[in-house]
């Protein structure tokens, strides 16, 4: 069924394609002529207002009372940050474009 309708779809498709090519050329010519003839006036804008300087707030920081020591509570062991050995070589990373492998 679709094979029989193919010629009837060909003419509208070609017509739309022709019109789109023609519209593209005419719009481009009109845009070029407008660009060559029209000069826009230079707009003058008012200057931007300055940034206001705000005073530094002087807020009192309340001092917290020290916590009482509880006799039966064990002291927590805080984890230590591991240190690296001093004789580690400095890593050198080459960029990916500098490889010599094929």
Foldseek 3Di string as FASTA:
>chain_A
DVVVCVVVVVVVVVVVVVVVVVVVVVVVVVVVVCVVPDDDDDDDDDDDDDDDDDDDDDDDDDDDDDDDDDVVDDDDDDDDDDDDDPPDDDDDDDDPVPDPDD
